[in-house]
Amino acid sequence: MNFRVFFPLAAAGLALLAVAGCNAALETTVAKTGSVTLKLEPAAKKASTSIRYGEQINVVLPAAHTGYVWQIISNDERILRQTDALKAGLANTWSVSFLALKPGKSIVRFVCVQTSTSEEVEPIDRYDVTVKVTE
């Protein structure tokens, strides 16, 4: 192969590898090592639990009132990555899962809000779940 053709191709290939390497550094890959389920009770508005790095936590919320949905309004995504959508399930309970990315603490706040309004409204219910992630 001619040097004049090879050199630009090699430089372009190295540049692509460098860019791919930079993007790979931004992605956090954590292997799931286990799973914990936390079922929230209607009377207890605060809950806390500890999980290990790499574990998944499945949070189960009580049924939302008719015309209302649960939403997540805070979570430290450096500690816990949401792995699926918050959704209604069996017996009208709602559930969502998170993966522990690194040791630390995250407070996940869930609020129950009306679905059919364009105005900002106060939630009618709320849960604060403190998740401590250990090594």
N, C-alpha and C. Protein backbone atom coordinates (compact mmCIF):
# COMPACT_ATOMS: atom_id res chain seq x y z
N MET A 1 0.85 -1.17 0.00
CA MET A 1 0.00 0.00 0.00
C MET A 1 0.89 1.23 0.00
N ASN A 2 0.50 2.22 -0.72
CA ASN A 2 1.25 3.46 -0.83
C ASN A 2 1.22 4.21 0.50
N PHE A 3 2.38 4.73 0.93
CA PHE A 3 2.50 5.45 2.20
C PHE A 3 1.55 6.65 2.27
N ARG A 4 1.39 7.37 1.15
CA ARG A 4 0.52 8.55 1.13
C ARG A 4 -0.95 8.17 1.36
N VAL A 5 -1.34 6.99 0.99
CA VAL A 5 -2.71 6.53 1.20
C VAL A 5 -2.85 5.93 2.60
N PHE A 6 -1.84 5.16 3.03
CA PHE A 6 -1.90 4.46 4.31
C PHE A 6 -1.91 5.44 5.50
N PHE A 7 -1.07 6.45 5.46
CA PHE A 7 -0.94 7.37 6.60
C PHE A 7 -2.26 8.08 6.94
N PRO A 8 -2.98 8.67 5.96
CA PRO A 8 -4.26 9.30 6.30
C PRO A 8 -5.29 8.30 6.82
N LEU A 9 -5.29 7.08 6.25
CA LEU A 9 -6.22 6.06 6.73
C LEU A 9 -5.90 5.66 8.17
N ALA A 10 -4.63 5.50 8.47
CA ALA A 10 -4.22 5.14 9.83
C ALA A 10 -4.56 6.26 10.81
N ALA A 11 -4.33 7.49 10.44
CA ALA A 11 -4.65 8.63 11.31
C ALA A 11 -6.15 8.71 11.56
N ALA A 12 -6.95 8.47 10.53
CA ALA A 12 -8.40 8.51 10.70
C ALA A 12 -8.84 7.38 11.62
N GLY A 13 -8.26 6.21 11.48
CA GLY A 13 -8.60 5.08 12.34
C GLY A 13 -8.25 5.36 13.79
N LEU A 14 -7.10 5.95 14.04
CA LEU A 14 -6.70 6.30 15.41
C LEU A 14 -7.62 7.36 15.99
N ALA A 15 -8.03 8.32 15.18
CA ALA A 15 -8.95 9.34 15.66
C ALA A 15 -10.29 8.72 16.06
N LEU A 16 -10.79 7.78 15.27
CA LEU A 16 -12.04 7.10 15.61
C LEU A 16 -11.90 6.31 16.91
N LEU A 17 -10.77 5.64 17.09
CA LEU A 17 -10.55 4.90 18.33
C LEU A 17 -10.50 5.84 19.53
N ALA A 18 -9.89 6.99 19.37
CA ALA A 18 -9.81 7.95 20.47
C ALA A 18 -11.19 8.46 20.85
N VAL A 19 -12.00 8.78 19.84
CA VAL A 19 -13.36 9.25 20.11
C VAL A 19 -14.18 8.15 20.77
N ALA A 20 -14.08 6.94 20.29
CA ALA A 20 -14.81 5.82 20.88
C ALA A 20 -14.36 5.60 22.32
N GLY A 21 -13.09 5.73 22.56
CA GLY A 21 -12.57 5.57 23.93
C GLY A 21 -13.11 6.64 24.85
N CYS A 22 -13.24 7.87 24.37
CA CYS A 22 -13.79 8.95 25.20
C CYS A 22 -15.25 8.67 25.52
N ASN A 23 -16.01 8.22 24.56
CA ASN A 23 -17.41 7.92 24.81
C ASN A 23 -17.57 6.73 25.74
N ALA A 24 -16.69 5.74 25.62
CA ALA A 24 -16.77 4.56 26.48
C ALA A 24 -16.53 4.96 27.93
N ALA A 25 -15.71 5.96 28.17
CA ALA A 25 -15.44 6.39 29.54
C ALA A 25 -16.67 7.01 30.17
N LEU A 26 -17.60 7.51 29.37
CA LEU A 26 -18.81 8.12 29.89
C LEU A 26 -19.86 7.08 30.27
N GLU A 27 -19.79 5.90 29.68
CA GLU A 27 -20.74 4.83 29.96
C GLU A 27 -20.31 4.08 31.22
N THR A 28 -21.24 3.81 32.10
CA THR A 28 -20.96 3.03 33.29
C THR A 28 -21.55 1.64 33.10
N THR A 29 -20.69 0.64 33.13
CA THR A 29 -21.15 -0.73 32.98
C THR A 29 -21.04 -1.42 34.32
N VAL A 30 -22.15 -1.89 34.83
CA VAL A 30 -22.20 -2.58 36.11
C VAL A 30 -22.93 -3.89 35.88
N ALA A 31 -22.30 -4.99 36.29
CA ALA A 31 -22.95 -6.29 36.17
C ALA A 31 -23.92 -6.48 37.32
N LYS A 32 -25.14 -6.87 37.01
CA LYS A 32 -26.15 -7.10 38.04
C LYS A 32 -25.76 -8.34 38.85
N THR A 33 -25.67 -8.18 40.18
CA THR A 33 -25.23 -9.29 41.03
C THR A 33 -26.35 -9.87 41.88
N GLY A 34 -27.49 -9.26 41.92
CA GLY A 34 -28.59 -9.75 42.72
C GLY A 34 -29.74 -8.77 42.68
N SER A 35 -30.80 -9.11 43.39
CA SER A 35 -31.99 -8.28 43.36
C SER A 35 -32.66 -8.24 44.73
N VAL A 36 -33.15 -7.07 45.08
CA VAL A 36 -33.87 -6.84 46.35
C VAL A 36 -35.18 -6.17 46.00
N THR A 37 -36.27 -6.57 46.66
CA THR A 37 -37.57 -5.92 46.45
C THR A 37 -37.97 -5.18 47.71
N LEU A 38 -38.36 -3.92 47.54
CA LEU A 38 -38.83 -3.09 48.64
C LEU A 38 -40.28 -2.73 48.35
N LYS A 39 -41.21 -3.27 49.16
CA LYS A 39 -42.64 -2.98 48.99
C LYS A 39 -43.02 -1.88 49.97
N LEU A 40 -43.48 -0.75 49.44
CA LEU A 40 -43.85 0.38 50.28
C LEU A 40 -45.28 0.22 50.78
N GLU A 41 -45.45 0.46 52.05
CA GLU A 41 -46.78 0.35 52.68
C GLU A 41 -47.45 1.72 52.67
N PRO A 42 -48.78 1.76 52.51
CA PRO A 42 -49.49 3.04 52.43
C PRO A 42 -49.27 3.96 53.65
N ALA A 43 -49.14 3.41 54.83
CA ALA A 43 -49.02 4.24 56.03
C ALA A 43 -47.61 4.81 56.22
N ALA A 44 -46.61 4.13 55.74
CA ALA A 44 -45.22 4.58 55.94
C ALA A 44 -44.77 5.41 54.75
N LYS A 45 -44.56 6.70 54.96
CA LYS A 45 -44.21 7.60 53.86
C LYS A 45 -42.70 7.70 53.63
N LYS A 46 -41.93 7.09 54.53
CA LYS A 46 -40.47 7.06 54.38
C LYS A 46 -40.01 5.64 54.57
N ALA A 47 -39.01 5.26 53.78
CA ALA A 47 -38.44 3.93 53.90
C ALA A 47 -36.95 4.03 53.61
N SER A 48 -36.19 3.11 54.15
CA SER A 48 -34.76 3.07 53.85
C SER A 48 -34.31 1.62 53.78
N THR A 49 -33.29 1.42 52.98
CA THR A 49 -32.72 0.10 52.81
C THR A 49 -31.28 0.23 52.36
N SER A 50 -30.55 -0.86 52.50
CA SER A 50 -29.17 -0.92 52.02
C SER A 50 -29.06 -2.04 51.00
N ILE A 51 -28.34 -1.76 49.93
CA ILE A 51 -28.04 -2.77 48.93
C ILE A 51 -26.56 -2.68 48.62
N ARG A 52 -26.06 -3.69 47.94
CA ARG A 52 -24.64 -3.71 47.58
C ARG A 52 -24.47 -3.21 46.15
N TYR A 53 -23.27 -2.71 45.89
CA TYR A 53 -22.89 -2.30 44.54
C TYR A 53 -23.20 -3.44 43.57
N GLY A 54 -23.88 -3.13 42.48
CA GLY A 54 -24.21 -4.13 41.47
C GLY A 54 -25.57 -4.78 41.67
N GLU A 55 -26.18 -4.59 42.83
CA GLU A 55 -27.50 -5.17 43.05
C GLU A 55 -28.58 -4.28 42.43
N GLN A 56 -29.70 -4.90 42.13
CA GLN A 56 -30.86 -4.17 41.62
C GLN A 56 -31.89 -4.09 42.74
N ILE A 57 -32.54 -2.94 42.87
CA ILE A 57 -33.64 -2.79 43.82
C ILE A 57 -34.91 -2.56 43.03
N ASN A 58 -35.92 -3.35 43.36
CA ASN A 58 -37.25 -3.22 42.76
C ASN A 58 -38.15 -2.57 43.80
N VAL A 59 -38.67 -1.40 43.50
CA VAL A 59 -39.54 -0.68 44.43
C VAL A 59 -40.98 -0.86 43.97
N VAL A 60 -41.83 -1.30 44.91
CA VAL A 60 -43.25 -1.50 44.62
C VAL A 60 -44.05 -0.49 45.44
N LEU A 61 -44.81 0.35 44.75
CA LEU A 61 -45.64 1.37 45.39
C LEU A 61 -47.09 0.92 45.43
N PRO A 62 -47.86 1.43 46.39
CA PRO A 62 -49.29 1.11 46.44
C PRO A 62 -50.00 1.69 45.22
N ALA A 63 -51.24 1.28 45.02
CA ALA A 63 -52.04 1.78 43.92
C ALA A 63 -52.17 3.30 43.99
N ALA A 64 -52.15 3.93 42.84
CA ALA A 64 -52.41 5.37 42.77
C ALA A 64 -53.92 5.57 42.78
N HIS A 65 -54.36 6.70 43.25
CA HIS A 65 -55.79 7.02 43.23
C HIS A 65 -56.27 7.14 41.79
N THR A 66 -57.54 6.93 41.54
CA THR A 66 -58.11 7.02 40.20
C THR A 66 -57.83 8.42 39.62
N GLY A 67 -57.29 8.44 38.41
CA GLY A 67 -56.97 9.71 37.75
C GLY A 67 -55.60 10.26 38.13
N TYR A 68 -54.82 9.48 38.87
CA TYR A 68 -53.49 9.91 39.32
C TYR A 68 -52.44 8.88 38.91
N VAL A 69 -51.20 9.34 38.84
CA VAL A 69 -50.07 8.47 38.52
C VAL A 69 -48.92 8.76 39.48
N TRP A 70 -48.05 7.77 39.65
CA TRP A 70 -46.82 7.98 40.41
C TRP A 70 -45.74 8.51 39.48
N GLN A 71 -44.93 9.43 39.99
CA GLN A 71 -43.78 9.96 39.24
C GLN A 71 -42.58 9.99 40.18
N ILE A 72 -41.39 9.90 39.58
CA ILE A 72 -40.15 10.06 40.33
C ILE A 72 -39.69 11.49 40.11
N ILE A 73 -39.50 12.24 41.21
CA ILE A 73 -39.07 13.63 41.04
C ILE A 73 -37.64 13.86 41.50
N SER A 74 -37.03 12.88 42.20
CA SER A 74 -35.61 13.04 42.52
C SER A 74 -34.96 11.68 42.71
N ASN A 75 -33.70 11.62 42.31
CA ASN A 75 -32.86 10.43 42.45
C ASN A 75 -31.45 10.83 42.07
N ASP A 76 -30.46 10.38 42.82
CA ASP A 76 -29.07 10.64 42.46
C ASP A 76 -28.65 9.57 41.46
N GLU A 77 -28.67 9.93 40.18
CA GLU A 77 -28.40 8.97 39.11
C GLU A 77 -26.93 8.56 39.05
N ARG A 78 -26.09 9.21 39.82
CA ARG A 78 -24.69 8.75 39.92
C ARG A 78 -24.61 7.50 40.79
N ILE A 79 -25.59 7.31 41.67
CA ILE A 79 -25.61 6.18 42.59
C ILE A 79 -26.56 5.09 42.09
N LEU A 80 -27.77 5.47 41.68
CA LEU A 80 -28.79 4.52 41.23
C LEU A 80 -29.24 4.87 39.82
N ARG A 81 -29.17 3.91 38.92
CA ARG A 81 -29.66 4.11 37.55
C ARG A 81 -31.01 3.42 37.42
N GLN A 82 -32.02 4.17 36.99
CA GLN A 82 -33.34 3.60 36.75
C GLN A 82 -33.23 2.67 35.55
N THR A 83 -33.67 1.41 35.72
CA THR A 83 -33.49 0.41 34.66
C THR A 83 -34.77 0.11 33.89
N ASP A 84 -35.90 0.59 34.37
CA ASP A 84 -37.14 0.43 33.62
C ASP A 84 -38.08 1.57 33.97
N ALA A 85 -39.18 1.64 33.24
CA ALA A 85 -40.14 2.72 33.46
C ALA A 85 -40.99 2.43 34.69
N LEU A 86 -41.36 3.49 35.37
CA LEU A 86 -42.31 3.39 36.49
C LEU A 86 -43.66 3.07 35.86
N LYS A 87 -44.24 1.92 36.25
CA LYS A 87 -45.45 1.48 35.56
C LYS A 87 -46.41 0.79 36.52
N ALA A 88 -47.70 0.82 36.14
CA ALA A 88 -48.73 0.13 36.91
C ALA A 88 -48.63 -1.35 36.62
N GLY A 89 -48.90 -2.16 37.67
CA GLY A 89 -48.79 -3.60 37.51
C GLY A 89 -49.98 -4.31 38.11
N LEU A 90 -49.71 -5.49 38.64
CA LEU A 90 -50.76 -6.31 39.24
C LEU A 90 -51.38 -5.61 40.43
N ALA A 91 -52.66 -5.82 40.63
CA ALA A 91 -53.42 -5.27 41.76
C ALA A 91 -53.24 -3.75 41.88
N ASN A 92 -53.05 -3.10 40.74
CA ASN A 92 -52.91 -1.64 40.69
C ASN A 92 -51.67 -1.11 41.41
N THR A 93 -50.76 -1.97 41.80
CA THR A 93 -49.51 -1.48 42.38
C THR A 93 -48.65 -0.94 41.24
N TRP A 94 -47.69 -0.12 41.59
CA TRP A 94 -46.76 0.45 40.62
C TRP A 94 -45.37 -0.05 40.98
N SER A 95 -44.50 -0.19 39.98
CA SER A 95 -43.16 -0.67 40.28
C SER A 95 -42.13 -0.03 39.36
N VAL A 96 -40.89 -0.02 39.85
CA VAL A 96 -39.75 0.50 39.09
C VAL A 96 -38.50 -0.15 39.66
N SER A 97 -37.48 -0.27 38.84
CA SER A 97 -36.22 -0.88 39.28
C SER A 97 -35.06 0.06 39.06
N PHE A 98 -34.06 -0.07 39.94
CA PHE A 98 -32.84 0.71 39.88
C PHE A 98 -31.65 -0.22 40.05
N LEU A 99 -30.52 0.13 39.42
CA LEU A 99 -29.28 -0.62 39.57
C LEU A 99 -28.29 0.23 40.34
N ALA A 100 -27.65 -0.37 41.36
CA ALA A 100 -26.66 0.34 42.18
C ALA A 100 -25.36 0.47 41.40
N LEU A 101 -24.98 1.71 41.05
CA LEU A 101 -23.80 1.95 40.23
C LEU A 101 -22.52 2.09 41.04
N LYS A 102 -22.63 2.66 42.23
CA LYS A 102 -21.43 2.84 43.06
C LYS A 102 -21.87 3.11 44.50
N PRO A 103 -20.97 2.93 45.45
CA PRO A 103 -21.33 3.20 46.85
C PRO A 103 -21.75 4.66 47.06
N GLY A 104 -22.69 4.85 47.95
CA GLY A 104 -23.20 6.19 48.26
C GLY A 104 -24.64 6.09 48.72
N LYS A 105 -25.31 7.23 48.73
CA LYS A 105 -26.70 7.29 49.19
C LYS A 105 -27.52 8.10 48.20
N SER A 106 -28.71 7.60 47.90
CA SER A 106 -29.65 8.32 47.05
C SER A 106 -31.01 8.31 47.72
N ILE A 107 -31.67 9.44 47.67
CA ILE A 107 -33.04 9.53 48.16
C ILE A 107 -33.93 9.63 46.92
N VAL A 108 -34.73 8.59 46.72
CA VAL A 108 -35.65 8.56 45.58
C VAL A 108 -37.00 9.05 46.09
N ARG A 109 -37.50 10.12 45.48
CA ARG A 109 -38.79 10.68 45.89
C ARG A 109 -39.84 10.38 44.84
N PHE A 110 -40.91 9.76 45.29
CA PHE A 110 -42.06 9.44 44.45
C PHE A 110 -43.21 10.35 44.86
N VAL A 111 -43.93 10.90 43.87
CA VAL A 111 -45.11 11.70 44.16
C VAL A 111 -46.26 11.19 43.30
N CYS A 112 -47.48 11.30 43.85
CA CYS A 112 -48.70 10.90 43.15
C CYS A 112 -49.40 12.18 42.69
N VAL A 113 -49.49 12.34 41.37
CA VAL A 113 -50.06 13.57 40.81
C VAL A 113 -51.18 13.25 39.83
N GLN A 114 -52.02 14.23 39.62
CA GLN A 114 -53.16 14.08 38.70
C GLN A 114 -52.65 13.98 37.27
N THR A 115 -53.26 13.12 36.48
CA THR A 115 -52.79 12.88 35.11
C THR A 115 -53.30 13.87 34.09
N SER A 116 -54.49 14.39 34.26
CA SER A 116 -55.13 15.16 33.19
C SER A 116 -55.16 16.66 33.44
N THR A 117 -54.09 17.21 33.91
CA THR A 117 -54.07 18.66 34.12
C THR A 117 -52.82 19.24 33.48
N SER A 118 -52.95 20.41 32.91
CA SER A 118 -51.79 21.07 32.33
C SER A 118 -51.16 22.03 33.33
N GLU A 119 -51.85 22.25 34.43
CA GLU A 119 -51.35 23.14 35.47
C GLU A 119 -50.49 22.36 36.45
N GLU A 120 -49.59 23.07 37.11
CA GLU A 120 -48.79 22.45 38.15
C GLU A 120 -49.66 22.29 39.39
N VAL A 121 -49.76 21.08 39.88
CA VAL A 121 -50.61 20.80 41.04
C VAL A 121 -49.77 20.14 42.13
N GLU A 122 -50.26 20.28 43.34
CA GLU A 122 -49.59 19.64 44.47
C GLU A 122 -49.86 18.15 44.44
N PRO A 123 -48.86 17.34 44.75
CA PRO A 123 -49.10 15.90 44.82
C PRO A 123 -50.03 15.56 45.98
N ILE A 124 -50.80 14.50 45.81
CA ILE A 124 -51.71 14.09 46.89
C ILE A 124 -51.07 13.02 47.79
N ASP A 125 -49.93 12.47 47.34
CA ASP A 125 -49.23 11.47 48.14
C ASP A 125 -47.76 11.50 47.78
N ARG A 126 -46.93 10.97 48.69
CA ARG A 126 -45.49 11.04 48.46
C ARG A 126 -44.78 9.97 49.28
N TYR A 127 -43.68 9.46 48.73
CA TYR A 127 -42.80 8.53 49.43
C TYR A 127 -41.37 8.98 49.23
N ASP A 128 -40.58 8.89 50.29
CA ASP A 128 -39.14 9.11 50.20
C ASP A 128 -38.45 7.80 50.54
N VAL A 129 -37.66 7.29 49.61
CA VAL A 129 -36.96 6.05 49.81
C VAL A 129 -35.46 6.34 49.81
N THR A 130 -34.81 6.11 50.96
CA THR A 130 -33.37 6.30 51.07
C THR A 130 -32.70 4.96 50.80
N VAL A 131 -31.83 4.96 49.79
CA VAL A 131 -31.11 3.74 49.43
C VAL A 131 -29.62 3.98 49.66
N LYS A 132 -29.05 3.18 50.55
CA LYS A 132 -27.61 3.26 50.80
C LYS A 132 -26.95 2.11 50.05
N VAL A 133 -25.98 2.44 49.21
CA VAL A 133 -25.27 1.44 48.44
C VAL A 133 -23.90 1.23 49.08
N THR A 134 -23.60 -0.02 49.40
CA THR A 134 -22.32 -0.37 50.02
C THR A 134 -21.47 -1.15 49.03
N GLU A 135 -20.20 -1.35 49.37
CA GLU A 135 -19.25 -2.10 48.52
C GLU A 135 -19.70 -3.51 48.31
